[in-house]
């Protein structure tokens, strides 16, 4: 079996239980089920034109199938289709959202918080920077040159000044370069990336907090990809120390639709200071709020929001509590173990080059070559050959000058070097690593 199907039987039982909770006359709706089946089978045919993101042989982008509990809970809620803008539109799912978000805030050590789910990390980061702009409207937003590109784009959308900070050879924000900018510019917020989507680097939050004492800026932690690693016990000592300091930042973003086992789109934004709600509160000319309790629509920029995302997340966190030493943290740790194992295997082979050991679960590597241009060409050819053999990686462009720091004898004859990038985001990756390695070794090198 490639695609899990047993949960479909569980879903049928759950739908029947949901239906039994409404004491109402039957609805005499007419659906053309023959046409539905015909079209759905056509959809299934069309959807086969995809990379097998669900399979461990896909070691490319950070894509993974949602856990069955998340998928089934999400689908179950579709028979109601709640809208978590207001309690009137999503009474049960709104409460589930608040409970689920509270658990995420607790995971990061926030005693108090204001937060909610979003359509994804981009929208969550937009809200965080929007609040940053409200607090410091004339000040600059800073992020590293390896931070997600959305920070610059979002700043442009919000009309905020933005500048990039150089990174070191490991993809982390350069603290000395950051301080030089802080000395010269009026900075309001520094984005600390807790797991870059390029190389999986965790910015040195401890150093940023020390600079904050001196220069009085806010810190926004973009943990969209790497946030759940705060539960992992098998990280480097300094990485664990940086994650433990997340309780000190001003805002955090995390994407449950990455390591959190959720369907797209499910992001989350958290603010340490609940008083930032004052920037959100508004009145609607057609208010249908039936409660004195704060509605989620009053503390979010998005209006209509899928209650299904909250239901899926709530159910998943009930099955896998967000705690160190638990079943969920073991899944995250397994991803890191797979990345470390893969890195160590690469280091033992002369035809491959692994540039630095992974901090989380992303490995950047390539085929050995005499020049950066040749390395790029070899990586691109290997990427295509692997795909033909049913093994799927992704490619990543890294500064050739940084590549030379790891391979001193290489000739730099290109600005950037195309490398291979492997994301071990699925908990099955470690179990399948022998098969992945065997397929990789069988691919002919030129």
Protein backbone atom coordinates (compact mmCIF):
# COMPACT_ATOMS: atom_id res chain seq x y z
CA UNK A 1 0.00 0.00 0.00
CA UNK A 2 1.38 3.39 -1.02
CA UNK A 3 -1.45 5.66 0.09
CA UNK A 4 -3.04 5.15 3.51
CA UNK A 5 -6.75 4.30 3.13
CA UNK A 6 -7.90 2.68 6.38
CA UNK A 7 -8.79 6.06 7.87
CA UNK A 8 -11.55 6.40 5.24
CA UNK A 9 -13.57 3.75 7.13
CA UNK A 10 -13.02 5.67 10.39
CA UNK A 11 -14.18 8.87 8.69
CA UNK A 12 -17.51 7.25 7.74
CA UNK A 13 -18.16 6.34 11.39
CA UNK A 14 -17.23 9.86 12.50
CA UNK A 15 -19.56 11.49 9.93
CA UNK A 16 -22.44 9.33 11.17
CA UNK A 17 -21.73 10.33 14.79
CA UNK A 18 -21.56 14.00 13.78
CA UNK A 19 -24.90 13.72 11.97
CA UNK A 20 -26.58 12.13 14.99
CA UNK A 21 -25.85 15.25 17.05
CA UNK A 22 -28.39 17.38 15.14
CA UNK A 23 -32.09 16.86 15.88
CA UNK A 24 -33.39 18.27 12.60
CA UNK A 25 -35.60 17.15 9.71
CA UNK A 26 -33.81 15.49 6.82
CA UNK A 27 -32.55 17.56 3.91
CA UNK A 28 -33.80 16.40 0.53
CA UNK A 29 -30.78 17.35 -1.52
CA UNK A 30 -30.20 15.91 -4.97
CA UNK A 31 -26.63 15.08 -5.94
CA UNK A 32 -25.53 13.48 -9.17
CA UNK A 33 -23.25 10.87 -7.64
CA UNK A 34 -22.47 9.25 -10.99
CA UNK A 35 -21.13 12.57 -12.26
CA UNK A 36 -19.27 13.14 -8.98
CA UNK A 37 -17.57 9.76 -9.36
CA UNK A 38 -16.70 10.39 -12.98
CA UNK A 39 -15.13 13.76 -12.23
CA UNK A 40 -13.36 12.55 -9.09
CA UNK A 41 -11.73 9.69 -10.96
CA UNK A 42 -10.60 12.23 -13.56
CA UNK A 43 -9.14 14.31 -10.71
CA UNK A 44 -7.30 11.22 -9.45
CA UNK A 45 -5.87 10.70 -12.92
CA UNK A 46 -4.77 14.33 -13.16
CA UNK A 47 -3.26 14.27 -9.66
CA UNK A 48 -0.95 11.42 -10.68
CA UNK A 49 1.05 14.09 -12.51
CA UNK A 50 2.96 14.89 -9.33
CA UNK A 51 6.20 14.00 -7.64
CA UNK A 52 5.53 11.35 -4.96
CA UNK A 53 5.75 13.77 -2.07
CA UNK A 54 4.26 11.15 0.25
CA UNK A 55 7.04 8.60 -0.28
CA UNK A 56 10.40 8.42 1.56
CA UNK A 57 12.15 8.36 -1.84
CA UNK A 58 11.10 11.99 -2.15
CA UNK A 59 13.93 13.76 -0.32
CA UNK A 60 13.55 17.12 -2.01
CA UNK A 61 11.50 20.01 -0.72
CA UNK A 62 10.04 20.10 2.79
CA UNK A 63 6.84 18.37 1.75
CA UNK A 64 5.16 15.58 3.67
CA UNK A 65 1.67 14.10 3.76
CA UNK A 66 -0.52 15.05 6.72
CA UNK A 67 -0.96 12.42 9.38
CA UNK A 68 -4.19 10.39 8.99
CA UNK A 69 -5.63 11.95 12.17
CA UNK A 70 -5.12 15.43 10.73
CA UNK A 71 -6.44 14.52 7.30
CA UNK A 72 -9.56 12.76 8.61
CA UNK A 73 -10.36 15.43 11.22
CA UNK A 74 -10.00 18.10 8.52
CA UNK A 75 -12.33 16.19 6.17
CA UNK A 76 -14.85 15.54 8.95
CA UNK A 77 -15.15 19.26 9.60
CA UNK A 78 -15.95 19.80 5.90
CA UNK A 79 -19.48 18.45 6.48
CA UNK A 80 -19.95 21.59 8.62
CA UNK A 81 -17.40 23.86 6.87
CA UNK A 82 -16.86 26.22 9.81
CA UNK A 83 -15.45 29.72 9.43
CA UNK A 84 -13.24 30.74 12.35
CA UNK A 85 -13.71 34.44 11.80
CA UNK A 86 -16.43 34.58 14.45
CA UNK A 87 -17.96 32.20 16.96
CA UNK A 88 -21.22 32.36 15.02
CA UNK A 89 -19.49 30.79 12.03
CA UNK A 90 -17.29 28.29 13.85
CA UNK A 91 -18.24 27.82 17.47
CA UNK A 92 -16.58 24.45 18.17
CA UNK A 93 -13.66 24.96 15.79
CA UNK A 94 -12.88 28.41 17.22
CA UNK A 95 -12.53 26.91 20.68
CA UNK A 96 -10.38 24.14 19.22
CA UNK A 97 -8.18 26.77 17.61
CA UNK A 98 -7.67 28.63 20.87
CA UNK A 99 -6.81 25.41 22.69
CA UNK A 100 -4.40 24.24 19.98
CA UNK A 101 -2.66 27.63 19.74
CA UNK A 102 -2.32 27.73 23.53
CA UNK A 103 -0.46 24.42 23.38
CA UNK A 104 1.92 25.80 20.74
CA UNK A 105 2.53 28.91 22.86
CA UNK A 106 3.24 26.67 25.85
CA UNK A 107 5.74 24.69 23.74
CA UNK A 108 7.73 27.91 23.24
CA UNK A 109 7.49 28.95 26.89
CA UNK A 110 5.02 31.83 26.42
CA UNK A 111 3.12 32.21 29.71
CA UNK A 112 0.83 34.81 28.18
CA UNK A 113 0.23 35.25 24.50
CA UNK A 114 -1.97 36.53 21.74
CA UNK A 115 -2.13 34.24 18.76
CA UNK A 116 -4.14 32.45 16.13
CA UNK A 117 -3.86 30.27 13.06
CA UNK A 118 -3.29 31.66 9.58
CA UNK A 119 -3.36 30.37 6.03
CA UNK A 120 0.40 29.71 6.23
CA UNK A 121 3.76 31.13 7.23
CA UNK A 122 3.63 34.02 4.77
CA UNK A 123 0.42 35.39 6.25
CA UNK A 124 1.69 34.72 9.78
CA UNK A 125 4.90 36.63 9.09
CA UNK A 126 2.90 39.43 7.49
CA UNK A 127 0.90 39.87 10.69
CA UNK A 128 4.05 39.82 12.82
CA UNK A 129 5.72 42.49 10.68
CA UNK A 130 2.48 44.48 10.50
CA UNK A 131 2.46 44.69 14.31
CA UNK A 132 6.19 45.52 14.23
CA UNK A 133 5.39 48.41 11.87
CA UNK A 134 2.60 49.64 14.13
CA UNK A 135 4.97 49.74 17.09
CA UNK A 136 7.91 51.25 15.17
CA UNK A 137 6.42 52.79 12.01
CA UNK A 138 9.55 54.63 10.91
CA UNK A 139 12.13 52.02 11.83
CA UNK A 140 13.86 49.40 9.70
CA UNK A 141 13.16 45.66 9.55
CA UNK A 142 16.31 43.51 9.34
CA UNK A 143 16.63 39.87 8.30
CA UNK A 144 19.53 37.75 7.11
CA UNK A 145 20.22 37.17 3.43
CA UNK A 146 19.24 33.53 4.04
CA UNK A 147 15.90 34.45 5.68
CA UNK A 148 12.81 33.59 3.68
CA UNK A 149 12.29 35.98 0.79
CA UNK A 150 8.79 36.82 2.03
CA UNK A 151 10.18 39.14 4.72
CA UNK A 152 11.46 41.58 2.12
CA UNK A 153 8.31 41.22 0.04
CA UNK A 154 6.04 41.67 3.07
CA UNK A 155 7.95 44.77 4.15
CA UNK A 156 7.40 46.24 0.69
CA UNK A 157 3.67 45.45 0.88
CA UNK A 158 3.45 47.11 4.31
CA UNK A 159 5.52 50.12 3.26
CA UNK A 160 8.25 49.33 5.80
CA UNK A 161 11.97 49.85 5.28
CA UNK A 162 13.88 46.59 4.99
CA UNK A 163 17.56 45.62 4.80
CA UNK A 164 19.42 42.32 4.56
CA UNK A 165 22.20 41.27 6.91
CA UNK A 166 25.05 39.09 5.57
CA UNK A 167 25.39 35.52 6.78
CA UNK A 168 28.39 33.39 7.68
CA UNK A 169 29.45 30.28 5.75
CA UNK A 170 26.90 28.19 7.68
CA UNK A 171 23.97 30.37 6.62
CA UNK A 172 23.52 32.07 10.01
CA UNK A 173 23.09 35.80 10.47
CA UNK A 174 26.48 37.48 10.89
CA UNK A 175 26.35 39.04 14.37
CA UNK A 176 29.23 41.45 13.77
CA UNK A 177 27.69 42.67 10.51
CA UNK A 178 24.36 43.03 12.29
CA UNK A 179 25.88 45.23 14.99
CA UNK A 180 27.49 47.47 12.39
CA UNK A 181 24.05 48.08 10.88
CA UNK A 182 22.53 48.64 14.34
CA UNK A 183 25.15 51.33 15.02
CA UNK A 184 24.23 53.23 11.86
CA UNK A 185 20.50 52.69 11.34
CA UNK A 186 17.34 53.03 13.40
CA UNK A 187 16.22 49.41 13.58
CA UNK A 188 12.84 48.46 14.97
CA UNK A 189 12.75 44.68 14.46
CA UNK A 190 15.30 41.96 13.70
CA UNK A 191 14.03 38.71 12.22
CA UNK A 192 15.74 35.70 13.79
CA UNK A 193 15.30 32.65 11.56
CA UNK A 194 15.01 29.46 13.59
CA UNK A 195 15.76 27.12 10.72
CA UNK A 196 16.37 28.63 7.28
CA UNK A 197 14.53 26.89 4.48
CA UNK A 198 17.73 26.82 2.42
CA UNK A 199 20.26 25.03 4.62
CA UNK A 200 18.39 24.58 7.91
CA UNK A 201 20.54 27.06 9.83
CA UNK A 202 19.39 28.40 13.20
CA UNK A 203 20.33 32.04 13.85
CA UNK A 204 22.23 32.69 17.13
CA UNK A 205 19.30 33.96 19.18
CA UNK A 206 21.44 34.24 22.33
CA UNK A 207 23.67 36.78 20.58
CA UNK A 208 20.69 38.69 19.22
CA UNK A 209 19.19 38.98 22.68
CA UNK A 210 22.46 40.46 23.96
CA UNK A 211 22.39 43.03 21.15
CA UNK A 212 18.75 43.78 21.96
CA UNK A 213 19.78 44.92 25.46
CA UNK A 214 22.12 47.44 23.87
CA UNK A 215 20.12 48.64 20.86
CA UNK A 216 16.51 48.12 22.06
CA UNK A 217 14.96 46.50 18.98
CA UNK A 218 12.22 43.89 18.84
CA UNK A 219 12.96 40.27 17.84
CA UNK A 220 10.62 38.33 15.61
CA UNK A 221 11.43 34.60 15.39
CA UNK A 222 10.57 33.04 12.07
CA UNK A 223 10.29 29.40 13.13
CA UNK A 224 7.93 28.48 10.29
CA UNK A 225 10.05 25.51 9.29
CA UNK A 226 12.21 24.81 12.33
CA UNK A 227 9.92 25.62 15.25
CA UNK A 228 9.06 22.08 16.28
CA UNK A 229 12.74 21.26 16.77
CA UNK A 230 12.41 23.03 20.10
CA UNK A 231 11.15 19.63 21.32
CA UNK A 232 14.15 17.69 19.99
CA UNK A 233 16.83 16.47 22.38
CA UNK A 234 19.39 15.44 19.73
CA UNK A 235 20.43 18.88 18.51
CA UNK A 236 23.76 20.59 19.11
CA UNK A 237 24.11 22.08 22.58
CA UNK A 238 24.18 25.67 21.30
CA UNK A 239 21.14 25.02 19.08
CA UNK A 240 19.14 23.72 22.04
CA UNK A 241 20.19 26.78 24.05
CA UNK A 242 18.94 29.08 21.28
CA UNK A 243 15.58 27.26 21.10
CA UNK A 244 15.20 27.50 24.86
CA UNK A 245 15.49 31.29 24.54
CA UNK A 246 12.44 31.60 22.27
CA UNK A 247 10.41 32.52 25.35
CA UNK A 248 12.28 35.87 25.28
CA UNK A 249 11.32 37.00 21.75
CA UNK A 250 8.47 39.36 20.90
CA UNK A 251 6.72 37.25 18.27
CA UNK A 252 6.98 33.79 16.76
CA UNK A 253 5.70 32.19 13.57
CA UNK A 254 5.43 28.42 13.07
CA UNK A 255 3.92 26.32 10.27
CA UNK A 256 2.06 23.23 11.50
CA UNK A 257 1.75 22.26 7.83
CA UNK A 258 5.47 21.45 7.79
CA UNK A 259 6.69 19.34 10.71
CA UNK A 260 3.31 19.64 12.47
CA UNK A 261 1.70 16.90 10.32
CA UNK A 262 -1.06 19.20 8.97
CA UNK A 263 -2.56 19.76 5.52
CA UNK A 264 -1.85 23.05 3.77
CA UNK A 265 -2.51 25.75 4.79
CA UNK A 266 -1.94 26.00 8.48
CA UNK A 267 0.35 28.66 9.93
CA UNK A 268 0.40 30.22 13.37
CA UNK A 269 1.49 33.61 14.71
CA UNK A 270 2.13 34.29 18.40
CA UNK A 271 2.80 37.55 20.25
CA UNK A 272 4.31 37.54 23.72
CA UNK A 273 2.49 40.75 24.68
CA UNK A 274 -1.31 40.27 24.45
CA UNK A 275 -1.81 44.05 24.41
CA UNK A 276 -0.90 44.14 20.71
CA UNK A 277 -4.56 43.16 20.24
CA UNK A 278 -5.25 46.90 20.24
CA UNK A 279 -3.89 47.07 16.68
CA UNK A 280 -6.40 44.47 15.51
CA UNK A 281 -9.68 45.36 17.20
CA UNK A 282 -12.37 46.67 14.87
CA UNK A 283 -16.12 46.94 14.38
CA UNK A 284 -18.08 45.47 11.49
CA UNK A 285 -21.19 47.18 10.06
CA UNK A 286 -22.93 43.78 9.92
CA UNK A 287 -21.70 42.43 13.23
CA UNK A 288 -23.12 39.02 14.04
CA UNK A 289 -21.01 38.36 17.11
CA UNK A 290 -23.16 36.64 19.69
CA UNK A 291 -20.67 36.60 22.55
CA UNK A 292 -18.77 39.07 24.73
CA UNK A 293 -15.73 36.80 24.32
CA UNK A 294 -13.05 38.02 21.88
CA UNK A 295 -13.61 36.43 18.49
CA UNK A 296 -10.63 35.25 16.47
CA UNK A 297 -11.64 37.58 13.66
CA UNK A 298 -11.00 40.49 16.01
CA UNK A 299 -7.34 39.54 16.45
CA UNK A 300 -6.41 38.53 12.91
CA UNK A 301 -5.98 40.32 9.60
CA UNK A 302 -7.60 37.48 7.67
CA UNK A 303 -11.37 37.49 7.82
CA UNK A 304 -12.78 34.16 6.65
CA UNK A 305 -10.45 31.40 7.87
CA UNK A 306 -10.86 27.65 7.53
CA UNK A 307 -12.08 26.17 10.79
CA UNK A 308 -11.05 22.81 9.32
CA UNK A 309 -7.39 23.72 9.85
CA UNK A 310 -8.06 24.20 13.56
CA UNK A 311 -9.95 20.92 13.82
CA UNK A 312 -7.13 18.99 12.15
CA UNK A 313 -4.49 20.60 14.36
CA UNK A 314 -6.48 20.11 17.57
CA UNK A 315 -7.03 16.43 16.82
CA UNK A 316 -3.36 15.89 15.98
CA UNK A 317 -2.15 17.55 19.16
CA UNK A 318 -4.56 15.39 21.16
CA UNK A 319 -2.98 12.31 19.61
CA UNK A 320 0.57 13.66 19.76
CA UNK A 321 1.00 16.16 22.64
CA UNK A 322 3.69 18.78 22.13
CA UNK A 323 6.07 17.58 24.82
CA UNK A 324 9.71 16.62 25.03
CA UNK A 325 10.28 12.90 25.20
CA UNK A 326 6.93 12.13 23.61
CA UNK A 327 5.92 10.38 20.41
CA UNK A 328 5.79 13.61 18.42
CA UNK A 329 9.23 14.80 19.52
CA UNK A 330 10.58 11.37 18.54
CA UNK A 331 9.34 11.99 14.98
CA UNK A 332 11.23 15.29 14.84
CA UNK A 333 14.34 13.67 16.29
CA UNK A 334 14.09 10.90 13.68
CA UNK A 335 14.27 13.50 10.91
CA UNK A 336 17.47 14.89 12.36
CA UNK A 337 18.95 11.39 12.80
CA UNK A 338 18.26 10.67 9.13
CA UNK A 339 20.01 13.88 8.07
CA UNK A 340 23.05 13.14 10.26
CA UNK A 341 23.24 9.57 8.97
CA UNK A 342 23.02 10.75 5.36
CA UNK A 343 25.70 13.39 5.96
CA UNK A 344 28.08 10.85 7.50
CA UNK A 345 27.64 8.51 4.54
CA UNK A 346 28.41 11.33 2.11
CA UNK A 347 31.60 12.17 4.02
CA UNK A 348 32.89 8.62 3.55
CA UNK A 349 32.59 8.79 -0.25
CA UNK A 350 35.26 10.63 -2.26
CA UNK A 351 32.94 11.39 -5.18
CA UNK A 352 30.57 13.40 -2.99
CA UNK A 353 31.03 16.64 -1.06
CA UNK A 354 29.00 17.43 2.06
CA UNK A 355 29.66 21.04 2.97
CA UNK A 356 28.73 21.10 6.65
CA UNK A 357 26.91 18.83 9.05
CA UNK A 358 23.19 19.58 9.30
CA UNK A 359 21.89 21.63 12.20
CA UNK A 360 18.32 20.37 11.75
CA UNK A 361 17.25 17.96 8.98
CA UNK A 362 18.47 19.56 5.72
CA UNK A 363 21.70 18.41 4.08
CA UNK A 364 23.49 20.49 1.41
CA UNK A 365 25.84 18.42 -0.74
CA UNK A 366 27.12 17.94 -4.26
CA UNK A 367 29.31 15.93 -6.62
CA UNK A 368 33.05 16.54 -6.30
CA UNK A 369 34.51 18.78 -9.02
CA UNK A 370 37.51 21.01 -9.77
CA UNK A 371 35.52 24.24 -10.19
CA UNK A 372 32.26 25.70 -8.96
CA UNK A 373 30.88 25.83 -12.50
CA UNK A 374 31.67 22.15 -13.05
CA UNK A 375 30.14 21.31 -9.68
CA UNK A 376 26.92 23.07 -10.67
CA UNK A 377 26.76 21.17 -13.94
CA UNK A 378 27.34 17.83 -12.22
CA UNK A 379 24.72 18.55 -9.57
CA UNK A 380 22.10 19.48 -12.15
CA UNK A 381 22.78 16.32 -14.20
CA UNK A 382 22.69 14.13 -11.08
CA UNK A 383 19.39 15.69 -10.04
CA UNK A 384 17.79 14.71 -13.37
CA UNK A 385 19.31 11.22 -13.37
CA UNK A 386 18.08 10.56 -9.84
CA UNK A 387 14.55 11.59 -10.82
CA UNK A 388 14.56 9.04 -13.65
CA UNK A 389 15.55 6.38 -11.10
CA UNK A 390 12.69 7.34 -8.78
CA UNK A 391 14.78 9.25 -6.25
CA UNK A 392 13.90 12.91 -5.79
CA UNK A 393 16.16 15.66 -4.47
CA UNK A 394 16.00 19.44 -4.84
CA UNK A 395 18.66 21.94 -5.90
CA UNK A 396 19.94 24.98 -4.04
CA UNK A 397 22.17 27.86 -5.14
CA UNK A 398 24.83 28.80 -2.62
CA UNK A 399 27.53 31.47 -2.74
CA UNK A 400 30.62 30.06 -4.45
CA UNK A 401 32.86 32.00 -2.04
CA UNK A 402 31.20 30.15 0.83
CA UNK A 403 31.62 26.85 -0.99
CA UNK A 404 35.38 27.53 -1.17
CA UNK A 405 35.52 27.83 2.62
CA UNK A 406 34.56 24.15 2.81
CA UNK A 407 36.56 23.00 -0.23
CA UNK A 408 39.72 25.05 -0.42
CA UNK A 409 41.08 23.49 -3.62
CA UNK A 410 38.05 24.32 -5.75
CA UNK A 411 38.34 26.99 -8.44
CA UNK A 412 35.71 29.70 -8.06
CA UNK A 413 34.53 30.57 -11.57
CA UNK A 414 30.87 31.35 -10.86
CA UNK A 415 29.06 33.62 -8.42
CA UNK A 416 26.81 30.85 -7.19
CA UNK A 417 27.12 27.07 -7.11
CA UNK A 418 24.16 24.79 -7.68
CA UNK A 419 24.16 22.16 -4.95
CA UNK A 420 21.89 19.24 -4.11
CA UNK A 421 19.59 19.67 -1.16
CA UNK A 422 17.93 16.90 0.83
CA UNK A 423 15.14 17.50 3.35
CA UNK A 424 14.55 14.54 5.68
CA UNK A 425 11.22 15.85 6.93
CA UNK A 426 9.31 12.55 7.02
CA UNK A 427 9.59 10.29 10.04
CA UNK A 428 9.97 7.33 7.63
CA UNK A 429 13.15 8.75 6.10
CA UNK A 430 15.45 7.27 8.72
CA UNK A 431 13.91 3.81 8.30
CA UNK A 432 14.32 4.00 4.53
CA UNK A 433 17.82 5.47 4.51
CA UNK A 434 19.52 2.25 3.42
CA UNK A 435 17.21 2.01 0.40
CA UNK A 436 17.68 5.71 -0.39
CA UNK A 437 21.45 5.34 -0.19
CA UNK A 438 21.44 2.21 -2.34
CA UNK A 439 19.48 3.99 -5.08
CA UNK A 440 21.75 7.03 -4.84
CA UNK A 441 24.90 4.90 -5.20
CA UNK A 442 23.46 3.11 -8.22
CA UNK A 443 23.22 6.35 -10.21
CA UNK A 444 26.08 6.64 -12.66
CA UNK A 445 28.39 9.65 -12.19
CA UNK A 446 30.03 11.32 -15.16
